[in-house]
Amino acid sequence: MSGAQTKTPGNGDEQPRLSPGENMIALAKAVEEHYKPKTAEKEQTR
């Protein structure tokens, strides 16, 4: 497995590419949504 990310057809890469900035924002939002329930639970039990 090479570390280089090549754009190969049929690799789920049909979506338009986001700019690095947009990608980071989207990733941050996804992570935030993913961990929100856990952090909410932690703060509740405090």
Protein backbone atom coordinates (compact mmCIF):
# COMPACT_ATOMS: atom_id res chain seq x y z
CA MET A 1 0.00 0.00 0.00
CA SER A 2 1.48 3.30 -1.03
CA GLY A 3 0.75 6.40 1.00
CA ALA A 4 -0.02 8.42 -2.12
CA GLN A 5 -3.72 9.10 -2.57
CA THR A 6 -4.44 8.65 -6.26
CA LYS A 7 -7.81 9.44 -7.75
CA THR A 8 -9.01 6.11 -9.11
CA PRO A 9 -12.42 5.57 -10.68
CA GLY A 10 -14.94 3.60 -8.64
CA ASN A 11 -13.17 4.47 -5.42
CA GLY A 12 -16.03 6.51 -3.99
CA ASP A 13 -14.35 9.66 -5.26
CA GLU A 14 -17.13 10.84 -7.57
CA GLN A 15 -17.99 13.72 -5.24
CA PRO A 16 -16.59 17.16 -6.02
CA ARG A 17 -13.39 17.81 -4.13
CA LEU A 18 -13.54 20.23 -1.23
CA SER A 19 -10.79 22.72 -0.70
CA PRO A 20 -8.51 21.86 2.24
CA GLY A 21 -10.18 24.55 4.35
CA GLU A 22 -13.70 23.30 3.62
CA ASN A 23 -12.53 19.75 4.20
CA MET A 24 -11.19 20.60 7.64
CA ILE A 25 -14.44 22.38 8.56
CA ALA A 26 -16.54 19.44 7.38
CA LEU A 27 -14.29 17.02 9.27
CA ALA A 28 -14.45 19.12 12.44
CA LYS A 29 -18.23 19.23 12.24
CA ALA A 30 -18.45 15.48 11.71
CA VAL A 31 -16.15 14.81 14.66
CA GLU A 32 -18.09 17.25 16.82
CA GLU A 33 -21.39 15.60 15.94
CA HIS A 34 -19.87 12.16 16.57
CA TYR A 35 -18.58 13.00 20.05
CA LYS A 36 -21.33 15.38 21.15
CA PRO A 37 -23.52 12.71 22.84
CA LYS A 38 -20.54 11.34 24.80
CA THR A 39 -19.40 14.73 26.06
CA ALA A 40 -22.99 15.63 26.94
CA GLU A 41 -23.29 12.45 29.00
CA LYS A 42 -20.02 13.17 30.80
CA GLU A 43 -21.10 16.69 31.72
CA GLN A 44 -24.47 15.41 32.91
CA THR A 45 -22.99 12.90 35.35
CA ARG A 46 -20.69 15.54 36.82
